[in-house]
Amino acid sequence: MPDDRFYDYELGNSGESQGRRDHPGADSSGTGARETDDIGDFNIDFDFDREYKDVPEDRPLRQRREKRTGCLGGLLFAAFVISISLLLASLGWLAATDVLGLGDEDETVQVTIPKGFDIATVASALREAGLIKYEFLFKIYADFSEAAEKIASGTYVLNTNYDYRMLVDSMTERGGKRATVDVTIPEGYTLAQIFASFEESGVCSADELWVTAENNFFDNDFLAGVPLGDRYRLEGFLFPDTYTFYVGDTPERAISKMLDNFGKRVPVEMRARAGELGYSLREAITIASMIEKEASADEDRPLVASVIYNRLGSEEFPRLEIDATIYYAMALTGEPFSVDLNNPYNTRVYPGLPPGPISNPGLKAIEAALHPESTGYYFYALSKTGGRHEFFEDYDAFLAFVTSEDYGG
């Protein structure tokens, strides 16, 4: 029920308004604190001042304003867009220069890709060598180009201005620009010395070479009858020379290169000469290996060969008594020098030829072994002058020389 303080309802007989009753305090002018409206059959008297007395007169109504950046905001936004665009463009340019190899100096460097590598290893090696700047970018390219299937392990010569494609192509088995090294093997080097030299030069490890020499089959006809499983089976057949190998080469390829050179330098007609002398090729090479160690002067080598052959056919002097074989046995066993060393390579103890060559002889020593001088010598001793040897038919003459001032041993 409305409060009758503000509303006065007067219902006339005819249902129409019968007049207006002004409440106390009403403004007769209609602008006072009370207002009375006639609505149909109702007289409404409403006090606006009282009902809205708590609303401040000076507080304006707020209207929602549209969000506007204004001129300054637009400029800032444009500057932001331009900065981001420049940053992205700069990053894109840096990436492009790395991928395309632009702006780098023309320098060559060596990079080694190890066996069992992955692309992360390759990317790291290239970055450390200064060939790329961004490993992640190279990995993306490598995945895209299937580089892992193309790259081969090894040491390569690469240029700092190569693009990614050229880098990958230069590390492949066929198109790779492998780093090389020249290795000189002197006459008279043993397998152990050769393999140590290979390892020192970065060709391949000595351990890999030993395993390969012992167990790998090499298709060279002069090795027929030389059984697998002998650690020193290739002694004498690695021809001394200067070779060019890949850095990080395979032991099979390195050994094959030397064996093939032996086949060229000691052709079939030379090998047939061993049979004419009544010996196998390996026995002839064994003789040549002792000549290589005993005689430094070319003129002495056929004479040393004659002493060896004379003793091999002698009942009076069945042992060769060549000290170079004892030194070889020492290297095998690690024992100190002794003429009584119990080892089949000790020709002072064991008669006949040693089990195999004691070095890898050069061509002069091989020729001397295949074409010895025909003499009656059974002894020789080093002279003080010129590095030459003196040769003797009997022991007394030999003993007289080695006790004289002319003996150079």
Protein backbone atom coordinates (compact mmCIF):
# COMPACT_ATOMS: atom_id res chain seq x y z
CA MET A 1 0.00 0.00 0.00
CA PRO A 2 1.60 3.30 -0.96
CA ASP A 3 2.53 5.72 1.75
CA ASP A 4 -0.32 8.23 2.03
CA ARG A 5 2.16 10.91 2.86
CA PHE A 6 2.80 11.31 -0.84
CA TYR A 7 -0.21 9.90 -2.61
CA ASP A 8 -3.82 11.12 -2.17
CA TYR A 9 -6.44 9.11 -4.03
CA GLU A 10 -9.88 10.75 -4.46
CA LEU A 11 -12.44 8.86 -6.39
CA GLY A 12 -15.41 10.86 -7.54
CA ASN A 13 -18.90 9.59 -8.15
CA SER A 14 -18.44 9.64 -11.85
CA GLY A 15 -14.90 8.02 -11.64
CA GLU A 16 -13.27 11.32 -12.59
CA SER A 17 -11.07 13.47 -10.43
CA GLN A 18 -13.01 15.64 -8.08
CA GLY A 19 -10.28 18.06 -7.42
CA ARG A 20 -6.82 18.23 -5.83
CA ARG A 21 -5.97 18.45 -2.18
CA ASP A 22 -2.68 20.16 -1.54
CA HIS A 23 -0.59 18.71 1.24
CA PRO A 24 1.18 21.03 3.64
CA GLY A 25 4.33 22.46 2.17
CA ALA A 26 3.20 22.05 -1.42
CA ASP A 27 4.36 24.73 -3.83
CA SER A 28 1.35 26.38 -5.35
CA SER A 29 3.41 27.27 -8.36
CA GLY A 30 4.10 23.58 -9.15
CA THR A 31 7.87 24.06 -8.74
CA GLY A 32 8.17 23.36 -5.07
CA ALA A 33 9.27 20.31 -3.21
CA ARG A 34 6.07 18.42 -4.06
CA GLU A 35 4.53 17.75 -7.37
CA THR A 36 1.03 16.49 -7.88
CA ASP A 37 0.09 14.80 -11.18
CA ASP A 38 -3.30 13.78 -12.30
CA ILE A 39 -3.14 10.38 -14.00
CA GLY A 40 -6.49 9.18 -14.96
CA ASP A 41 -8.59 8.80 -11.82
CA PHE A 42 -5.47 9.09 -9.57
CA ASN A 43 -3.81 12.16 -8.07
CA ILE A 44 -0.06 11.42 -7.56
CA ASP A 45 1.80 13.59 -5.14
CA PHE A 46 5.67 12.78 -5.37
CA ASP A 47 8.44 14.51 -3.37
CA PHE A 48 11.50 14.51 -5.66
CA ASP A 49 13.71 16.59 -3.36
CA ARG A 50 13.29 14.17 -0.52
CA GLU A 51 13.77 11.03 -2.54
CA TYR A 52 16.97 12.27 -4.31
CA LYS A 53 18.48 14.28 -1.46
CA ASP A 54 21.57 12.00 -1.42
CA VAL A 55 22.54 12.63 -5.05
CA PRO A 56 25.19 15.40 -5.40
CA GLU A 57 23.96 18.22 -7.52
CA ASP A 58 27.38 18.92 -9.11
CA ARG A 59 28.23 15.26 -10.05
CA PRO A 60 27.81 14.87 -13.77
CA LEU A 61 26.67 11.62 -15.31
CA ARG A 62 29.53 9.71 -16.92
CA GLN A 63 29.19 8.46 -20.39
CA ARG A 64 31.21 5.48 -21.75
CA ARG A 65 33.93 6.77 -23.99
CA GLU A 66 35.22 4.85 -27.01
CA LYS A 67 38.81 3.66 -26.75
CA ARG A 68 40.97 5.83 -28.93
CA THR A 69 44.78 5.83 -29.16
CA GLY A 70 45.03 9.28 -30.47
CA CYS A 71 47.85 10.62 -32.66
CA LEU A 72 50.67 9.86 -30.19
CA GLY A 73 49.48 6.28 -29.65
CA GLY A 74 49.35 5.70 -33.39
CA LEU A 75 52.92 6.89 -33.79
CA LEU A 76 54.12 4.64 -30.98
CA PHE A 77 52.36 1.66 -32.50
CA ALA A 78 53.86 2.38 -35.91
CA ALA A 79 57.32 2.68 -34.33
CA PHE A 80 56.82 -0.67 -32.62
CA VAL A 81 55.77 -2.37 -35.86
CA ILE A 82 58.75 -0.88 -37.71
CA SER A 83 61.18 -1.97 -34.96
CA ILE A 84 59.90 -5.53 -34.97
CA SER A 85 60.06 -5.61 -38.76
CA LEU A 86 63.65 -4.35 -38.74
CA LEU A 87 64.60 -6.87 -36.05
CA LEU A 88 63.08 -9.73 -37.99
CA ALA A 89 64.71 -8.51 -41.18
CA SER A 90 68.08 -8.29 -39.42
CA LEU A 91 67.73 -11.79 -38.00
CA GLY A 92 66.67 -13.06 -41.39
CA TRP A 93 69.69 -11.43 -43.02
CA LEU A 94 72.06 -12.88 -40.42
CA ALA A 95 70.54 -16.31 -40.96
CA ALA A 96 70.77 -15.93 -44.74
CA THR A 97 74.43 -14.86 -44.63
CA ASP A 98 75.25 -17.92 -42.52
CA VAL A 99 73.35 -20.33 -44.77
CA LEU A 100 74.83 -18.80 -47.93
CA GLY A 101 78.32 -18.27 -46.53
CA LEU A 102 78.31 -14.57 -47.35
CA GLY A 103 80.78 -12.06 -45.99
CA ASP A 104 83.32 -14.58 -44.64
CA GLU A 105 87.03 -14.45 -45.40
CA ASP A 106 88.51 -16.91 -47.87
CA GLU A 107 90.33 -19.27 -45.49
CA THR A 108 90.75 -23.04 -45.38
CA VAL A 109 90.42 -25.05 -42.19
CA GLN A 110 90.48 -28.72 -41.29
CA VAL A 111 87.49 -30.36 -39.66
CA THR A 112 87.44 -33.91 -38.35
CA ILE A 113 84.16 -35.82 -38.35
CA PRO A 114 84.56 -38.80 -36.01
CA LYS A 115 83.21 -42.28 -36.56
CA GLY A 116 79.69 -42.78 -35.21
CA PHE A 117 78.93 -39.06 -35.52
CA ASP A 118 75.52 -37.41 -35.35
CA ILE A 119 74.43 -34.10 -36.85
CA ALA A 120 74.84 -32.31 -33.52
CA THR A 121 78.50 -33.38 -33.51
CA VAL A 122 78.96 -32.14 -37.07
CA ALA A 123 77.29 -28.79 -36.33
CA SER A 124 79.45 -28.30 -33.24
CA ALA A 125 82.64 -29.10 -35.16
CA LEU A 126 81.71 -26.67 -37.95
CA ARG A 127 80.92 -23.88 -35.51
CA GLU A 128 84.16 -24.40 -33.56
CA ALA A 129 86.08 -24.21 -36.84
CA GLY A 130 84.37 -20.90 -37.71
CA LEU A 131 82.52 -22.35 -40.70
CA ILE A 132 79.00 -21.67 -39.37
CA LYS A 133 77.58 -19.41 -36.68
CA TYR A 134 74.26 -21.03 -35.83
CA GLU A 135 74.24 -24.72 -35.00
CA PHE A 136 70.44 -24.89 -34.78
CA LEU A 137 70.13 -23.48 -38.28
CA PHE A 138 72.56 -26.03 -39.71
CA LYS A 139 70.65 -28.83 -37.97
CA ILE A 140 67.43 -27.63 -39.64
CA TYR A 141 69.16 -27.63 -43.02
CA ALA A 142 70.71 -31.03 -42.32
CA ASP A 143 67.29 -32.51 -41.56
CA PHE A 144 65.86 -30.95 -44.70
CA SER A 145 68.70 -32.15 -46.95
CA GLU A 146 69.21 -35.55 -45.25
CA ALA A 147 72.84 -34.60 -44.67
CA ALA A 148 73.41 -37.38 -42.12
CA GLU A 149 73.12 -39.94 -44.91
CA LYS A 150 75.64 -38.11 -47.11
CA ILE A 151 78.39 -37.07 -44.70
CA ALA A 152 81.22 -39.56 -44.07
CA SER A 153 83.65 -39.60 -41.17
CA GLY A 154 87.14 -38.26 -41.85
CA THR A 155 89.17 -35.07 -41.84
CA TYR A 156 88.22 -32.52 -44.48
CA VAL A 157 89.66 -29.29 -45.87
CA LEU A 158 86.83 -26.75 -45.95
CA ASN A 159 86.61 -23.07 -46.79
CA THR A 160 85.08 -20.44 -44.52
CA ASN A 161 83.02 -18.99 -47.38
CA TYR A 162 81.28 -22.28 -48.21
CA ASP A 163 77.51 -22.26 -47.96
CA TYR A 164 75.67 -25.04 -46.13
CA ARG A 165 75.22 -27.09 -49.28
CA MET A 166 78.90 -26.93 -50.18
CA LEU A 167 79.88 -27.82 -46.62
CA VAL A 168 77.78 -30.98 -46.76
CA ASP A 169 78.97 -31.90 -50.29
CA SER A 170 82.59 -31.42 -49.19
CA MET A 171 82.21 -33.95 -46.39
CA THR A 172 80.95 -36.85 -48.49
CA GLU A 173 82.78 -40.05 -49.47
CA ARG A 174 83.01 -39.14 -53.16
CA GLY A 175 82.90 -35.37 -53.36
CA GLY A 176 84.65 -34.71 -50.08
CA LYS A 177 87.80 -32.63 -49.99
CA ARG A 178 89.72 -34.86 -47.59
CA ALA A 179 92.78 -33.57 -45.78
CA THR A 180 95.93 -35.46 -46.76
CA VAL A 181 99.32 -36.04 -45.21
CA ASP A 182 102.58 -37.29 -46.70
CA VAL A 183 104.29 -40.06 -44.77
CA THR A 184 107.80 -41.27 -45.59
CA ILE A 185 108.63 -44.84 -44.61
CA PRO A 186 112.41 -45.42 -44.62
CA GLU A 187 113.98 -48.70 -45.72
CA GLY A 188 114.34 -51.11 -42.84
CA TYR A 189 111.37 -49.88 -40.78
CA THR A 190 109.49 -52.62 -38.95
CA LEU A 191 105.70 -52.96 -38.80
CA ALA A 192 105.75 -51.45 -35.32
CA GLN A 193 107.68 -48.41 -36.55
CA ILE A 194 105.45 -47.98 -39.61
CA PHE A 195 102.23 -48.20 -37.61
CA ALA A 196 103.57 -45.78 -35.00
CA SER A 197 104.46 -43.36 -37.80
CA PHE A 198 100.95 -43.65 -39.25
CA GLU A 199 99.39 -42.88 -35.91
CA GLU A 200 101.71 -39.94 -35.29
CA SER A 201 100.86 -38.52 -38.74
CA GLY A 202 97.11 -38.83 -38.11
CA VAL A 203 96.52 -41.50 -40.75
CA CYS A 204 94.93 -44.04 -38.38
CA SER A 205 95.57 -45.62 -35.02
CA ALA A 206 98.28 -48.23 -34.52
CA ASP A 207 95.83 -50.55 -32.73
CA GLU A 208 93.53 -50.56 -35.77
CA LEU A 209 96.48 -51.26 -38.05
CA TRP A 210 97.66 -54.24 -35.99
CA VAL A 211 94.21 -55.81 -35.97
CA THR A 212 93.83 -55.26 -39.71
CA ALA A 213 97.29 -56.62 -40.53
CA GLU A 214 96.60 -59.77 -38.54
CA ASN A 215 93.06 -60.56 -39.62
CA ASN A 216 92.20 -58.81 -42.86
CA PHE A 217 92.45 -60.63 -46.17
CA PHE A 218 94.32 -58.68 -48.84
CA ASP A 219 93.97 -59.82 -52.44
CA ASN A 220 97.66 -59.69 -53.36
CA ASP A 221 99.00 -62.83 -55.01
CA PHE A 222 102.40 -62.58 -53.32
CA LEU A 223 100.65 -63.10 -49.96
CA ALA A 224 99.43 -66.55 -51.01
CA GLY A 225 100.44 -69.04 -48.34
CA VAL A 226 100.83 -66.35 -45.66
CA PRO A 227 98.19 -67.39 -43.10
CA LEU A 228 95.78 -65.08 -41.32
CA GLY A 229 96.05 -64.78 -37.56
CA ASP A 230 99.77 -63.99 -37.49
CA ARG A 231 100.35 -60.54 -36.05
CA TYR A 232 103.53 -60.10 -38.12
CA ARG A 233 102.36 -61.76 -41.32
CA LEU A 234 102.78 -58.58 -43.39
CA GLU A 235 106.27 -57.79 -42.11
CA GLY A 236 108.55 -57.30 -45.12
CA PHE A 237 105.73 -56.55 -47.61
CA LEU A 238 104.95 -52.92 -46.74
CA PHE A 239 107.20 -51.30 -49.28
CA PRO A 240 109.24 -48.32 -48.01
CA ASP A 241 108.38 -45.14 -49.88
CA THR A 242 106.72 -41.75 -49.50
CA TYR A 243 102.94 -42.04 -49.45
CA THR A 244 100.06 -39.62 -49.44
CA PHE A 245 97.26 -40.72 -47.15
CA TYR A 246 94.02 -39.18 -46.01
CA VAL A 247 94.06 -37.84 -42.50
CA GLY A 248 91.81 -40.23 -40.61
CA ASP A 249 92.14 -42.87 -43.31
CA THR A 250 91.03 -46.48 -42.88
CA PRO A 251 93.70 -49.04 -41.90
CA GLU A 252 92.60 -51.29 -44.77
CA ARG A 253 93.22 -48.57 -47.33
CA ALA A 254 96.55 -47.50 -45.82
CA ILE A 255 97.94 -51.04 -45.75
CA SER A 256 96.55 -51.85 -49.20
CA LYS A 257 98.33 -48.85 -50.64
CA MET A 258 101.69 -50.10 -49.40
CA LEU A 259 101.04 -53.69 -50.47
CA ASP A 260 100.03 -52.57 -53.96
CA ASN A 261 103.24 -50.56 -54.17
CA PHE A 262 105.22 -53.67 -53.27
CA GLY A 263 103.51 -55.53 -56.12
CA LYS A 264 104.49 -52.77 -58.56
CA ARG A 265 108.08 -52.34 -57.36
CA VAL A 266 108.69 -56.08 -57.08
CA PRO A 267 107.01 -57.43 -60.24
CA VAL A 268 106.24 -61.02 -61.07
CA GLU A 269 109.55 -61.65 -62.88
CA MET A 270 111.51 -60.57 -59.81
CA ARG A 271 109.41 -62.75 -57.54
CA ALA A 272 110.01 -65.73 -59.79
CA ARG A 273 113.75 -65.39 -59.08
CA ALA A 274 113.17 -66.55 -55.50
CA GLY A 275 111.94 -69.88 -56.79
CA GLU A 276 115.02 -70.20 -58.98
CA LEU A 277 117.16 -69.89 -55.86
CA GLY A 278 115.12 -72.57 -54.14
CA TYR A 279 113.27 -70.31 -51.76
CA SER A 280 109.78 -68.93 -51.40
CA LEU A 281 109.20 -65.23 -51.92
CA ARG A 282 108.65 -64.73 -48.17
CA GLU A 283 112.00 -66.43 -47.43
CA ALA A 284 113.73 -64.23 -50.01
CA ILE A 285 112.17 -61.15 -48.40
CA THR A 286 113.34 -62.43 -45.01
CA ILE A 287 116.89 -62.56 -46.37
CA ALA A 288 116.47 -59.08 -47.86
CA SER A 289 115.25 -57.75 -44.50
CA MET A 290 118.44 -58.93 -42.79
CA ILE A 291 120.57 -57.43 -45.57
CA GLU A 292 118.73 -54.13 -45.09
CA LYS A 293 119.60 -54.09 -41.40
CA GLU A 294 123.19 -55.25 -41.77
CA ALA A 295 124.54 -53.30 -44.77
CA SER A 296 124.20 -49.58 -45.37
CA ALA A 297 126.48 -49.43 -48.45
CA ASP A 298 124.89 -50.62 -51.67
CA GLU A 299 128.15 -52.30 -52.69
CA ASP A 300 128.15 -54.48 -49.57
CA ARG A 301 124.62 -55.84 -49.94
CA PRO A 302 125.23 -58.56 -52.58
CA LEU A 303 128.25 -59.68 -50.51
CA VAL A 304 126.21 -59.88 -47.29
CA ALA A 305 123.65 -61.87 -49.29
CA SER A 306 126.38 -64.29 -50.32
CA VAL A 307 127.37 -64.89 -46.69
CA ILE A 308 123.74 -65.65 -45.76
CA TYR A 309 123.24 -68.08 -48.63
CA ASN A 310 126.60 -69.73 -47.96
CA ARG A 311 125.69 -70.34 -44.33
CA LEU A 312 122.20 -71.57 -45.16
CA GLY A 313 123.82 -74.28 -47.25
CA SER A 314 126.62 -75.05 -44.80
CA GLU A 315 126.88 -77.87 -42.31
CA GLU A 316 129.89 -76.23 -40.65
CA PHE A 317 128.12 -72.88 -40.05
CA PRO A 318 124.39 -73.72 -39.82
CA ARG A 319 123.51 -70.62 -37.82
CA LEU A 320 123.45 -67.18 -39.43
CA GLU A 321 124.58 -65.41 -36.22
CA ILE A 322 123.17 -62.05 -37.36
CA ASP A 323 122.72 -59.75 -34.39
CA ALA A 324 119.99 -57.73 -36.13
CA THR A 325 117.65 -60.68 -35.59
CA ILE A 326 118.33 -60.54 -31.85
CA TYR A 327 117.36 -56.87 -31.74
CA TYR A 328 114.12 -57.73 -33.52
CA ALA A 329 113.41 -60.45 -30.95
CA MET A 330 114.09 -57.94 -28.18
CA ALA A 331 111.48 -55.58 -29.65
CA LEU A 332 108.95 -58.43 -29.67
CA THR A 333 109.57 -59.61 -26.13
CA GLY A 334 110.79 -56.49 -24.36
CA GLU A 335 113.75 -58.46 -22.99
CA PRO A 336 117.28 -57.00 -22.83
CA PHE A 337 119.89 -57.89 -25.43
CA SER A 338 121.46 -61.31 -25.02
CA VAL A 339 123.11 -63.60 -27.52
CA ASP A 340 121.47 -66.43 -25.60
CA LEU A 341 117.93 -65.03 -25.87
CA ASN A 342 115.57 -67.96 -26.28
CA ASN A 343 113.53 -66.77 -29.23
CA PRO A 344 113.20 -68.29 -32.72
CA TYR A 345 114.32 -64.97 -34.18
CA ASN A 346 117.69 -65.33 -32.43
CA THR A 347 119.89 -66.67 -35.23
CA ARG A 348 122.77 -67.22 -32.83
CA VAL A 349 120.70 -69.92 -31.13
CA TYR A 350 118.34 -71.18 -33.84
CA PRO A 351 119.70 -72.43 -37.18
CA GLY A 352 118.40 -71.43 -40.56
CA LEU A 353 116.17 -68.47 -41.35
CA PRO A 354 114.11 -66.71 -38.68
CA PRO A 355 110.32 -67.23 -38.79
CA GLY A 356 109.83 -64.18 -41.02
CA PRO A 357 111.26 -60.86 -42.14
CA ILE A 358 112.74 -58.60 -39.47
CA SER A 359 112.09 -55.36 -41.39
CA ASN A 360 110.55 -53.99 -44.57
CA PRO A 361 113.46 -53.89 -47.04
CA GLY A 362 113.96 -51.47 -49.88
CA LEU A 363 114.48 -52.34 -53.51
CA LYS A 364 118.33 -52.50 -53.30
CA ALA A 365 118.21 -55.05 -50.50
CA ILE A 366 115.57 -57.12 -52.33
CA GLU A 367 117.64 -57.10 -55.51
CA ALA A 368 120.70 -58.19 -53.51
CA ALA A 369 118.74 -61.05 -51.96
CA LEU A 370 117.55 -62.19 -55.39
CA HIS A 371 120.96 -61.73 -57.05
CA PRO A 372 123.68 -62.47 -54.49
CA GLU A 373 127.37 -62.44 -55.30
CA SER A 374 128.99 -65.84 -55.71
CA THR A 375 131.71 -65.95 -53.01
CA GLY A 376 133.30 -68.23 -50.43
CA TYR A 377 132.62 -65.79 -47.57
CA TYR A 378 131.18 -66.92 -44.27
CA PHE A 379 132.06 -63.90 -42.13
CA TYR A 380 131.92 -60.11 -42.31
CA ALA A 381 132.68 -57.28 -39.91
CA LEU A 382 132.22 -53.53 -40.01
CA SER A 383 135.27 -51.44 -40.84
CA LYS A 384 136.06 -48.09 -39.26
CA THR A 385 136.32 -46.34 -42.61
CA GLY A 386 133.42 -45.46 -44.87
CA GLY A 387 130.79 -47.65 -43.24
CA ARG A 388 131.92 -50.58 -45.35
CA HIS A 389 132.36 -54.20 -44.28
CA GLU A 390 135.30 -56.56 -44.55
CA PHE A 391 134.50 -60.12 -45.66
CA PHE A 392 136.30 -63.34 -44.72
CA GLU A 393 136.26 -67.02 -45.72
CA ASP A 394 137.65 -68.43 -42.45
CA TYR A 395 137.17 -67.70 -38.78
CA ASP A 396 140.84 -66.97 -37.99
CA ALA A 397 141.02 -64.12 -40.48
CA PHE A 398 137.76 -62.77 -39.15
CA LEU A 399 138.97 -62.95 -35.53
CA ALA A 400 142.22 -61.20 -36.40
CA PHE A 401 140.29 -58.29 -37.93
CA VAL A 402 137.80 -57.80 -35.10
CA THR A 403 140.70 -57.62 -32.62
CA SER A 404 142.53 -55.02 -34.69
CA GLU A 405 142.26 -51.24 -34.69
CA ASP A 406 140.48 -51.32 -38.04
CA TYR A 407 137.37 -52.97 -36.61
CA GLY A 408 134.49 -50.53 -36.44
CA GLY A 409 131.92 -52.65 -34.61
